[in-house]
Structure formats: structure tokens, C-alpha cells
Protein backbone atom coordinates (compact mmCIF):
# COMPACT_ATOMS: atom_id res chain seq x y z
CA MET A 1 38.75 21.18 132.93
CA SER A 2 37.95 18.63 130.49
CA ALA A 3 39.96 17.70 128.17
CA SER A 4 39.28 18.79 124.56
CA PRO A 5 37.93 15.96 122.27
CA PRO A 6 40.44 14.69 119.83
CA ARG A 7 40.18 16.74 116.46
CA PRO A 8 39.07 14.71 113.37
CA THR A 9 41.65 13.48 111.09
CA SER A 10 41.31 12.91 107.35
CA GLN A 11 43.36 9.69 105.98
CA GLY A 12 43.91 9.15 102.27
CA SER A 13 44.39 6.45 100.31
CA ALA A 14 48.36 5.51 99.80
CA LEU A 15 49.37 3.67 96.63
CA ASP A 16 52.25 1.45 96.26
CA LEU A 17 54.16 2.74 93.42
CA ALA A 18 57.58 0.66 94.32
CA ARG A 19 56.90 -1.81 91.49
CA LEU A 20 56.25 0.76 88.59
CA PRO A 21 59.19 0.75 86.08
CA ASP A 22 61.72 3.73 86.60
CA TYR A 23 61.81 4.40 82.59
CA GLY A 24 59.40 4.55 80.04
CA PHE A 25 59.35 4.39 75.78
CA GLY A 26 58.96 7.51 73.52
CA ALA A 27 57.79 10.65 75.38
CA ALA A 28 57.62 9.03 78.39
CA SER A 29 61.39 8.78 78.50
CA PRO A 30 63.78 11.58 79.01
CA MET A 31 66.44 10.06 76.76
CA TRP A 32 63.58 10.52 73.88
CA TRP A 33 63.50 13.90 74.43
CA GLY A 34 67.17 14.37 74.37
CA THR A 35 67.31 12.46 71.26
CA LEU A 36 64.90 14.93 69.62
CA GLY A 37 67.01 17.90 70.95
CA PHE A 38 69.71 16.17 68.81
CA ILE A 39 67.86 15.37 66.09
CA ALA A 40 67.07 19.42 65.99
CA ILE A 41 70.27 21.04 66.30
CA GLU A 42 71.89 17.79 64.06
CA GLY A 43 69.01 18.74 61.38
CA THR A 44 69.70 22.43 61.46
CA GLY A 45 73.38 21.64 60.53
CA PHE A 46 72.55 19.68 57.68
CA VAL A 47 69.93 22.35 56.38
CA LEU A 48 72.85 25.41 56.93
CA ALA A 49 75.26 22.92 55.07
CA GLY A 50 72.74 22.38 52.22
CA ALA A 51 71.63 26.13 51.84
CA SER A 52 75.58 26.91 51.63
CA TYR A 53 75.63 24.35 48.57
CA LEU A 54 72.36 25.53 46.98
CA TYR A 55 74.05 29.17 47.39
CA ILE A 56 77.77 28.44 45.50
CA LEU A 57 75.31 26.70 42.82
CA THR A 58 73.17 30.22 41.97
CA GLN A 59 76.54 32.10 42.36
CA ASN A 60 78.30 30.07 39.42
CA GLY A 61 77.00 29.95 35.78
CA ARG A 62 78.93 26.51 35.32
CA PHE A 63 78.63 23.85 37.93
CA PRO A 64 79.85 21.42 39.60
CA LEU A 65 83.17 23.48 39.61
CA GLY A 66 86.44 22.26 38.15
CA ALA A 67 85.27 18.69 38.41
CA GLY A 68 82.73 16.16 36.74
CA PRO A 69 79.65 15.21 38.82
CA PRO A 70 80.40 12.12 41.21
CA THR A 71 80.17 8.40 40.29
CA LEU A 72 76.64 7.04 40.48
CA TRP A 73 77.25 3.95 41.88
CA PRO A 74 78.37 4.18 45.99
CA GLY A 75 75.71 6.67 46.16
CA ILE A 76 72.83 4.45 44.81
CA LEU A 77 74.17 1.58 46.88
CA GLN A 78 74.45 3.67 50.05
CA THR A 79 70.42 4.39 49.47
CA LEU A 80 69.18 1.31 48.87
CA LEU A 81 71.23 -0.08 51.68
CA LEU A 82 69.23 2.47 53.97
CA LEU A 83 66.24 2.26 52.90
CA ALA A 84 66.16 -1.22 53.40
CA SER A 85 67.43 -0.70 56.90
CA VAL A 86 64.37 0.67 57.97
CA VAL A 87 62.80 -2.41 58.04
CA PRO A 88 64.86 -4.02 60.57
CA ASN A 89 65.16 -1.18 62.68
CA ILE A 90 61.09 -0.99 62.85
CA TRP A 91 61.34 -4.69 63.86
CA VAL A 92 64.13 -4.45 66.46
CA ASP A 93 62.24 -0.90 67.47
CA ARG A 94 58.78 -2.86 68.37
CA ALA A 95 60.97 -6.02 69.81
CA SER A 96 62.70 -3.26 72.68
CA ARG A 97 58.83 -2.20 73.46
CA ARG A 98 57.89 -5.94 74.11
CA GLU A 99 61.16 -6.38 76.29
CA ASP A 100 61.70 -9.16 74.09
CA LEU A 101 65.47 -9.91 74.89
CA GLY A 102 66.10 -13.06 72.17
CA GLN A 103 64.68 -10.51 69.13
CA VAL A 104 66.39 -7.44 70.66
CA ARG A 105 69.57 -9.50 70.55
CA VAL A 106 69.11 -10.57 67.29
CA GLY A 107 67.95 -6.73 65.72
CA LEU A 108 70.80 -5.37 67.62
CA LEU A 109 73.58 -7.74 65.66
CA VAL A 110 71.73 -7.20 62.41
CA MET A 111 71.67 -3.50 62.79
CA SER A 112 75.35 -3.44 63.88
CA ALA A 113 76.08 -5.16 60.28
CA ILE A 114 74.38 -2.67 58.33
CA GLY A 115 75.99 0.38 60.21
CA ILE A 116 79.35 -1.09 59.26
CA ALA A 117 78.44 -1.95 55.87
CA THR A 118 77.10 1.95 55.64
CA CYS A 119 80.35 2.81 56.81
CA VAL A 120 82.66 0.93 54.30
CA ILE A 121 80.22 2.02 51.39
CA ARG A 122 80.99 5.44 53.12
CA ALA A 123 84.55 4.91 52.22
CA PHE A 124 84.08 4.12 48.83
CA GLU A 125 81.83 7.50 48.40
CA PHE A 126 84.74 10.14 49.21
CA PRO A 127 86.81 9.27 46.30
CA ALA A 128 83.59 8.90 44.26
CA LEU A 129 83.25 12.51 44.29
CA ASN A 130 85.92 13.20 41.65
CA ILE A 131 87.03 16.36 43.66
CA TYR A 132 88.95 17.08 46.84
CA TRP A 133 87.97 19.10 49.72
CA ASP A 134 90.75 21.66 49.10
CA ASP A 135 89.68 22.12 45.18
CA ASN A 136 87.27 24.60 45.73
CA ALA A 137 84.19 25.80 47.46
CA TYR A 138 82.10 23.12 45.58
CA GLY A 139 84.53 20.60 46.61
CA SER A 140 84.30 21.73 50.35
CA LEU A 141 80.55 21.41 50.53
CA GLN A 142 80.65 18.00 48.83
CA TRP A 143 82.94 17.10 51.06
CA LEU A 144 81.35 18.77 54.32
CA LEU A 145 77.57 16.96 52.99
CA LEU A 146 79.16 13.71 53.03
CA GLY A 147 81.46 14.15 56.05
CA LEU A 148 78.69 15.54 58.05
CA HIS A 149 76.42 12.44 57.45
CA ALA A 150 79.66 10.39 58.15
CA THR A 151 79.80 11.00 61.46
CA HIS A 152 76.01 10.04 61.90
CA LEU A 153 76.98 6.98 61.02
CA GLY A 154 79.45 6.40 62.90
CA THR A 155 77.79 7.90 65.92
CA ASP A 156 74.60 5.20 65.63
CA LEU A 157 77.17 2.64 64.91
CA ALA A 158 79.30 2.91 68.08
CA ASP A 159 75.66 3.39 70.28
CA THR A 160 73.98 0.03 68.61
CA LEU A 161 77.78 -2.02 68.91
CA VAL A 162 77.77 -0.63 72.86
CA LEU A 163 73.78 -1.68 73.04
CA ALA A 164 74.04 -5.10 71.47
CA ALA A 165 77.28 -5.98 73.78
CA LEU A 166 75.33 -4.95 77.02
CA MET A 167 71.96 -7.03 75.82
CA PHE A 168 74.81 -9.79 76.05
CA THR A 169 75.07 -9.13 79.70
CA ARG A 170 73.51 -8.71 82.81
CA HIS A 171 72.52 -5.51 82.15
CA GLY A 172 70.11 -6.64 79.42
CA HIS A 173 67.14 -5.50 80.96
CA GLY A 174 65.06 -3.00 82.05
CA LYS A 175 65.77 0.71 80.58
CA ARG A 176 68.28 -0.82 78.13
CA PHE A 177 65.23 -1.64 76.28
CA SER A 178 64.10 1.87 76.47
CA ASP A 179 67.54 2.97 75.18
CA VAL A 180 67.77 0.74 71.75
CA SER A 181 64.32 2.34 70.93
CA ASP A 182 65.50 5.40 71.13
CA ASN A 183 68.60 4.80 68.77
CA ALA A 184 66.38 3.28 66.85
CA ALA A 185 64.07 6.50 66.42
CA TYR A 186 67.64 7.95 65.47
CA TRP A 187 68.42 5.95 63.14
CA TYR A 188 65.12 7.01 61.17
CA PHE A 189 66.54 10.27 61.18
CA VAL A 190 69.80 9.17 59.81
CA VAL A 191 67.79 7.43 56.84
CA ALA A 192 65.90 10.27 56.26
CA ALA A 193 68.58 13.15 56.55
CA TRP A 194 70.47 11.16 54.03
CA LEU A 195 67.64 11.21 50.97
CA PRO A 196 68.50 15.35 50.47
CA ILE A 197 71.92 14.96 51.00
CA TYR A 198 72.20 12.27 48.32
CA ALA A 199 70.25 14.27 45.95
CA LEU A 200 72.40 17.33 46.43
CA ILE A 201 75.91 14.98 46.22
CA TYR A 202 75.28 13.04 43.32
CA TRP A 203 71.67 14.79 41.29
CA VAL A 204 72.21 18.53 41.51
CA PRO A 205 75.36 18.60 39.70
CA ARG A 206 73.89 16.42 36.90
CA LEU A 207 71.36 19.59 36.41
């Protein structure tokens, strides 16, 4: 009895993916999607706080309640600084995508200094509201709006400081560049969210 002939086999091409990076930028990064989720959740919080503020406004013929409007200069200074910070933020974002370690280090140091400055100015903004959080509903919402955004300033500052420290160590390579880009994306949200909050806090009471 003769042996049956061997069955033909198909051999496909094999690709060596070992050298491909295990990280990506933008939509190719899971962390980017996580950041986008945070922005959606936190943005909803800002919208709800702003809606509550406008509701109090519509329910009272005299506004603001029990106080004069906030002092303008701290809010103006904060707004100008945040708008100006977009330029170095774009720069460090682009440098991270090029994986230019030197420029990323400089950019993170600049953004860290800006983050510290925004927190210092925020410390002057609270007394500039000219009302305490427990005086009435208007004061509570003023402090809530300013406090919510202060939390985001502090969160991003902490993240920027940690990334800056890492970039001056042996960890300053690979996925860390993607993290820097994601952090820059979050800062755009922090700046954009401040503009309507600034208008609500400083200019609506003057209408």
C-alpha cells in the first residue's frame, strides 16, 4: 500500500513588527482617548455650573447679589497669560511629535513657569470677586466656577512638572513624547474653557 502524497501547504508572508514603536500620537494613542474623555466629563461640569449661574441671574432682578462686580485686573491678566501660553504650548506639542528632546525640555520648563504664574494670579482672583463663597448663591457660584478652573490649572501644572522631571532622566524617550503631546492637548482645553468662565465671572455682573 503506497503512502499518500504530502498535502500542499500554503506559506504566507511574515512581517517583523518588533521594531515598530509601542506608542503613538493623537488618535493612535489610548491616552489621547482617555484625555478626550476627561475633557468631555469636565466640560460637562463647567456647562452645568455655568447654567446654574445663569439660572440665578434670571431669577433675580438685581445682579450681582449683595456685592459689587469683581475687580477686573486679575481676570484680564489671567486671560492674557493663558492666551499667550498657546504659542509655547503649540511649540512643545510639535517638538514632542518630532521627538526633539532638547526642545521638549525647554518647552516643558516654559510651560511649567506659565502654569505656576497662572496659579499665582488665581490666588489674587478669589479676593477680587468681592464676595465670599458662603455669602449667598451668587457668591457660591462665583467661587465654584473659579475653583473648578483652578483645579484644572493645578492638575495640568502637576502633570507638566512631572513630565519635565522625567525628560531630564533616562525615561525621556519613547512614550514620554506621546505623553507630552497629550498634556499639550489638555492645556488647549484649559485655555478654551477659561474664556466663557471669564465672561461669566467678570462681565455678566456688569451687564
